[in-house]
Protein backbone atom coordinates (compact mmCIF):
# COMPACT_ATOMS: atom_id res chain seq x y z
CA MET A 1 -1.75 9.45 8.00
CA LYS A 2 -3.41 10.61 3.77
CA SER A 3 -2.79 7.91 1.34
CA ILE A 4 -0.31 8.19 -1.66
CA TRP A 5 -1.06 5.49 -3.81
CA PHE A 6 -5.25 6.47 -4.03
CA PHE A 7 -6.50 9.22 -5.48
CA GLU A 8 -8.64 12.00 -3.16
CA ASP A 9 -11.41 11.05 -1.33
CA VAL A 10 -13.92 12.20 -3.53
CA ASN A 11 -16.23 10.68 -6.12
CA LEU A 12 -14.95 12.62 -8.79
CA PHE A 13 -17.75 10.21 -11.06
CA LYS A 14 -20.44 11.81 -9.51
CA ILE A 15 -19.35 15.46 -10.23
CA LEU A 16 -17.54 15.19 -13.79
CA CYS A 17 -19.93 12.85 -15.73
CA PRO A 18 -21.66 14.69 -18.69
CA HIS A 19 -24.37 12.77 -18.18
CA LYS A 20 -24.81 14.54 -15.37
CA PHE A 21 -25.48 17.37 -18.08
CA LYS A 22 -28.28 17.74 -19.35
CA GLU A 23 -26.94 18.97 -22.97
CA TYR A 24 -24.43 15.53 -23.29
CA LYS A 25 -27.02 13.28 -21.22
CA SER A 26 -29.01 11.88 -24.40
CA ASN A 27 -25.67 10.54 -26.17
CA HIS A 28 -23.64 9.84 -23.26
CA ASP A 29 -23.00 6.22 -23.15
CA PHE A 30 -20.96 3.40 -20.64
CA ASP A 31 -18.60 1.32 -21.53
CA ALA A 32 -18.56 -2.69 -19.55
CA TYR A 33 -15.29 -4.21 -18.82
CA LYS A 34 -14.77 -7.79 -18.13
CA LYS A 35 -11.35 -8.92 -15.86
CA GLN A 36 -8.33 -8.47 -17.71
CA ASP A 37 -10.09 -6.59 -20.85
CA TYR A 38 -7.74 -3.23 -21.63
CA ILE A 39 -9.57 0.27 -21.82
CA TYR A 40 -6.36 2.00 -23.47
CA PHE A 41 -2.69 0.76 -24.60
CA GLU A 42 0.45 2.81 -24.04
CA GLU A 43 0.67 4.73 -27.42
CA ASP A 44 -3.02 4.37 -28.36
CA THR A 45 -4.21 8.02 -29.61
CA SER A 46 -4.53 9.75 -26.04
CA ASN A 47 -8.26 11.59 -27.03
CA LYS A 48 -10.43 10.47 -23.79
CA ILE A 49 -10.37 10.50 -20.22
CA TYR A 50 -12.45 8.13 -18.05
CA LEU A 51 -14.78 8.29 -14.95
CA ILE A 52 -15.19 4.51 -12.97
CA GLU A 53 -18.66 4.37 -12.07
CA LYS A 54 -17.65 0.93 -10.84
CA GLY A 55 -15.20 -1.67 -10.14
CA LYS A 56 -11.38 -1.49 -10.16
CA VAL A 57 -8.31 -0.33 -13.13
CA LYS A 58 -5.16 -0.50 -12.98
CA ILE A 59 -2.54 1.75 -14.19
CA GLY A 60 0.60 0.66 -15.42
CA TYR A 61 3.43 0.13 -18.15
CA TYR A 62 5.99 -2.36 -19.39
CA SER A 63 9.90 -1.47 -18.76
CA GLU A 64 12.43 -1.55 -21.29
CA ASP A 65 13.19 -5.55 -20.49
CA GLY A 66 9.22 -6.23 -20.70
CA GLU A 67 8.13 -6.18 -17.16
CA GLU A 68 5.06 -4.25 -15.81
CA VAL A 69 5.15 -1.32 -13.25
CA VAL A 70 2.52 -0.99 -11.88
CA LYS A 71 1.41 2.79 -11.08
CA ALA A 72 -1.87 2.74 -9.41
CA ILE A 73 -4.92 0.75 -8.55
CA LEU A 74 -8.00 2.78 -8.39
CA SER A 75 -11.96 2.60 -7.91
CA LYS A 76 -15.20 4.09 -8.18
CA GLY A 77 -15.78 7.46 -8.42
CA GLU A 78 -11.87 8.02 -10.01
CA LEU A 79 -10.64 9.86 -12.98
CA PHE A 80 -7.33 8.57 -15.44
CA GLY A 81 -6.04 9.40 -18.73
CA GLU A 82 -6.43 12.71 -17.33
CA LYS A 83 -3.38 14.00 -19.44
CA ALA A 84 -5.59 13.88 -22.95
CA ILE A 85 -6.94 17.36 -20.99
CA LEU A 86 -3.67 18.62 -21.08
CA GLY A 87 -2.52 18.00 -24.64
CA GLU A 88 -0.83 14.71 -24.92
CA ILE A 89 -1.15 12.61 -27.76
CA LYS A 90 -0.40 9.21 -27.49
CA ARG A 91 -0.22 7.33 -24.54
CA ASP A 92 2.49 6.72 -21.98
CA GLU A 93 0.92 3.54 -19.88
CA PHE A 94 -2.15 1.40 -20.04
CA ALA A 95 -5.16 0.95 -18.19
CA GLN A 96 -6.12 -2.38 -17.32
CA SER A 97 -9.99 -3.56 -15.90
CA ILE A 98 -9.83 -6.14 -12.86
CA ASP A 99 -12.65 -6.21 -12.05
CA ASN A 100 -15.71 -8.92 -14.04
CA THR A 101 -18.02 -5.63 -13.56
CA THR A 102 -15.89 -2.28 -14.47
CA SER A 103 -18.29 0.21 -15.99
CA ILE A 104 -15.87 2.96 -17.08
CA CYS A 105 -17.50 6.92 -18.11
CA PRO A 106 -15.56 7.90 -21.41
CA ILE A 107 -15.68 11.59 -22.02
CA GLY A 108 -13.78 12.58 -25.43
CA VAL A 109 -10.81 15.35 -24.76
CA GLU A 110 -13.60 17.72 -26.63
CA THR A 111 -15.83 17.71 -24.95
CA MET A 112 -14.25 17.77 -21.89
CA HIS A 113 -13.29 21.49 -23.03
CA GLU A 114 -16.83 22.78 -23.36
CA LEU A 115 -17.26 21.57 -20.35
CA MET A 116 -14.28 23.07 -18.83
CA ARG A 117 -14.68 26.59 -20.69
CA ASP A 118 -18.66 25.99 -19.80
CA ASN A 119 -18.48 26.09 -16.26
CA GLN A 120 -15.47 27.80 -14.08
CA THR A 121 -16.50 24.90 -11.28
CA PHE A 122 -15.77 21.75 -12.91
CA SER A 123 -12.88 23.60 -14.69
CA PHE A 124 -11.36 24.33 -11.22
CA ARG A 125 -12.15 20.60 -9.99
CA VAL A 126 -10.07 19.64 -12.98
CA TYR A 127 -7.25 21.04 -12.28
CA LYS A 128 -7.66 20.86 -9.15
CA PHE A 129 -7.33 16.96 -8.96
CA ILE A 130 -4.52 17.16 -11.42
CA GLY A 131 -2.44 19.01 -9.25
CA PHE A 132 -3.68 16.63 -6.10
CA LYS A 133 -2.55 13.58 -8.67
CA LEU A 134 0.68 15.08 -9.55
CA GLN A 135 1.68 16.06 -5.22
CA LYS A 136 0.71 12.70 -4.26
CA LEU A 137 3.09 10.73 -7.36
CA GLU A 138 6.42 13.90 -6.13
CA ARG A 139 5.45 11.92 -2.83
CA ARG A 140 5.89 8.72 -3.27
CA LEU A 141 8.95 9.09 -5.29
CA LYS A 142 10.46 10.84 -2.70
CA LEU A 143 9.51 7.39 -1.00
CA LEU A 144 10.79 5.10 -3.16
CA MET A 145 13.82 7.54 -3.31
CA PHE A 146 14.70 7.99 0.26
CA LYS A 147 13.42 5.18 2.93
CA ASP A 148 14.24 1.31 3.11
CA ALA A 149 12.09 -1.55 1.99
CA LYS A 150 10.59 -2.36 4.72
CA THR A 151 10.05 1.56 6.32
CA ARG A 152 7.92 1.65 2.22
CA LEU A 153 6.18 -1.89 3.15
CA ILE A 154 5.04 -0.23 6.29
CA GLU A 155 3.50 2.96 5.41
CA PHE A 156 2.11 1.34 2.43
CA LEU A 157 0.26 -1.35 5.08
CA ASP A 158 -0.72 1.55 6.33
CA ASP A 159 -2.76 3.34 3.90
CA LEU A 160 -3.55 0.02 2.84
CA CYS A 161 -5.83 -0.73 5.54
CA THR A 162 -6.72 2.84 5.31
CA GLU A 163 -8.45 2.08 2.04
CA TYR A 164 -9.27 -1.42 2.60
CA GLY A 165 -8.96 -2.43 6.19
CA TYR A 166 -11.42 -3.04 9.39
CA ASN A 167 -11.23 -4.02 12.87
CA CYS A 168 -11.79 -7.72 13.47
CA ASP A 169 -14.90 -7.73 16.21
CA LYS A 170 -14.29 -10.47 18.00
CA THR A 171 -9.81 -10.19 18.01
CA GLY A 172 -9.73 -6.53 17.11
CA ASP A 173 -7.20 -6.99 14.35
CA HIS A 174 -7.05 -5.40 11.78
CA VAL A 175 -8.03 -7.22 8.55
CA ILE A 176 -7.14 -6.02 5.05
CA ASN A 177 -8.93 -7.39 1.88
CA HIS A 178 -7.42 -5.79 -1.01
CA PRO A 179 -7.09 -5.85 -4.93
CA TYR A 180 -3.39 -6.39 -4.62
CA THR A 181 -1.41 -9.53 -6.09
CA GLN A 182 2.05 -9.61 -4.12
CA LYS A 183 3.84 -8.01 -7.99
CA ASP A 184 1.88 -5.48 -7.36
CA ILE A 185 2.81 -4.07 -4.07
CA ALA A 186 6.61 -5.20 -5.09
CA SER A 187 6.25 -2.91 -7.76
CA LEU A 188 4.33 -0.03 -6.35
CA ILE A 189 6.84 0.00 -3.55
CA GLY A 190 9.68 -0.70 -6.10
CA VAL A 191 11.31 -3.83 -3.95
CA SER A 192 11.03 -7.53 -6.05
CA ARG A 193 8.80 -10.11 -6.00
CA PRO A 194 11.43 -12.07 -3.63
CA THR A 195 12.10 -9.28 -1.15
CA LEU A 196 8.42 -8.70 -0.75
CA ASN A 197 8.10 -11.88 0.45
CA ILE A 198 11.28 -12.10 2.77
CA LEU A 199 9.47 -8.58 4.27
CA LEU A 200 5.91 -9.92 4.67
CA ASN A 201 7.45 -12.60 6.28
CA GLU A 202 9.58 -11.61 9.02
CA LEU A 203 6.67 -9.09 10.05
CA LYS A 204 5.18 -12.47 10.34
CA GLU A 205 7.66 -14.52 12.36
CA ASP A 206 7.42 -11.57 14.37
CA ASP A 207 3.31 -12.19 14.96
CA ILE A 208 2.66 -8.81 13.28
CA LEU A 209 0.66 -9.81 10.81
CA ASP A 210 -0.62 -12.59 8.48
CA PHE A 211 -1.72 -12.95 4.65
CA ASP A 212 -2.86 -15.03 2.14
CA ARG A 213 -3.43 -14.05 -1.55
CA LYS A 214 -6.12 -11.41 -0.75
CA GLN A 215 -6.54 -10.64 2.76
CA ILE A 216 -3.22 -9.26 5.48
CA ARG A 217 -4.28 -9.36 9.13
CA ILE A 218 -2.47 -6.61 11.69
CA TYR A 219 -1.73 -8.26 14.82
CA LYS A 220 -1.09 -5.07 16.18
CA LYS A 221 0.86 -1.48 15.04
CA ILE A 222 3.47 -1.45 12.91
CA ALA A 223 5.95 0.56 13.93
């Protein structure tokens, strides 16, 4: 199953970063961020897009009640802030580093438009990515609207296993080392943290999985 919480499995950094283009290489820098540093806030001017060279970035927004809502957690090779290309003036989300060694390739909107005008293949890849991302978000919305909480959790764990999991040689269990907090997971599948704990503990009591803060071990296939 293709993940709906992660973007297309392609390293966009290798394709899009301006330092790959000779005419931009000499004056192009990278930005470094520590854990919990913000790349941008809601309502900031939307004048750049960003590619992740390394590390992890959380994308989200705050509800009217001040609750943080996580939209995605992105990693090496992925793109964010891309609505600036389409004319967005102010950000409607925040971007925050969740890794101590995050390195970002920032690209000004004007530079991006120049690259897109000068390179048809480059332009095609950018628009393909934006379309793919919108499709992913639409699929996620349908899951949130039409599937129950347990099903959403099971499908999320399936995607998480694909993204971060490996088979343990000694036991044959699926071991998932992931970057999410329980708060992040609850937000991504549209439930409260207490509800998430209940669902995880039900699966644990059924000897389907075990979990701690950073690892989930799946003993058998979840049906």
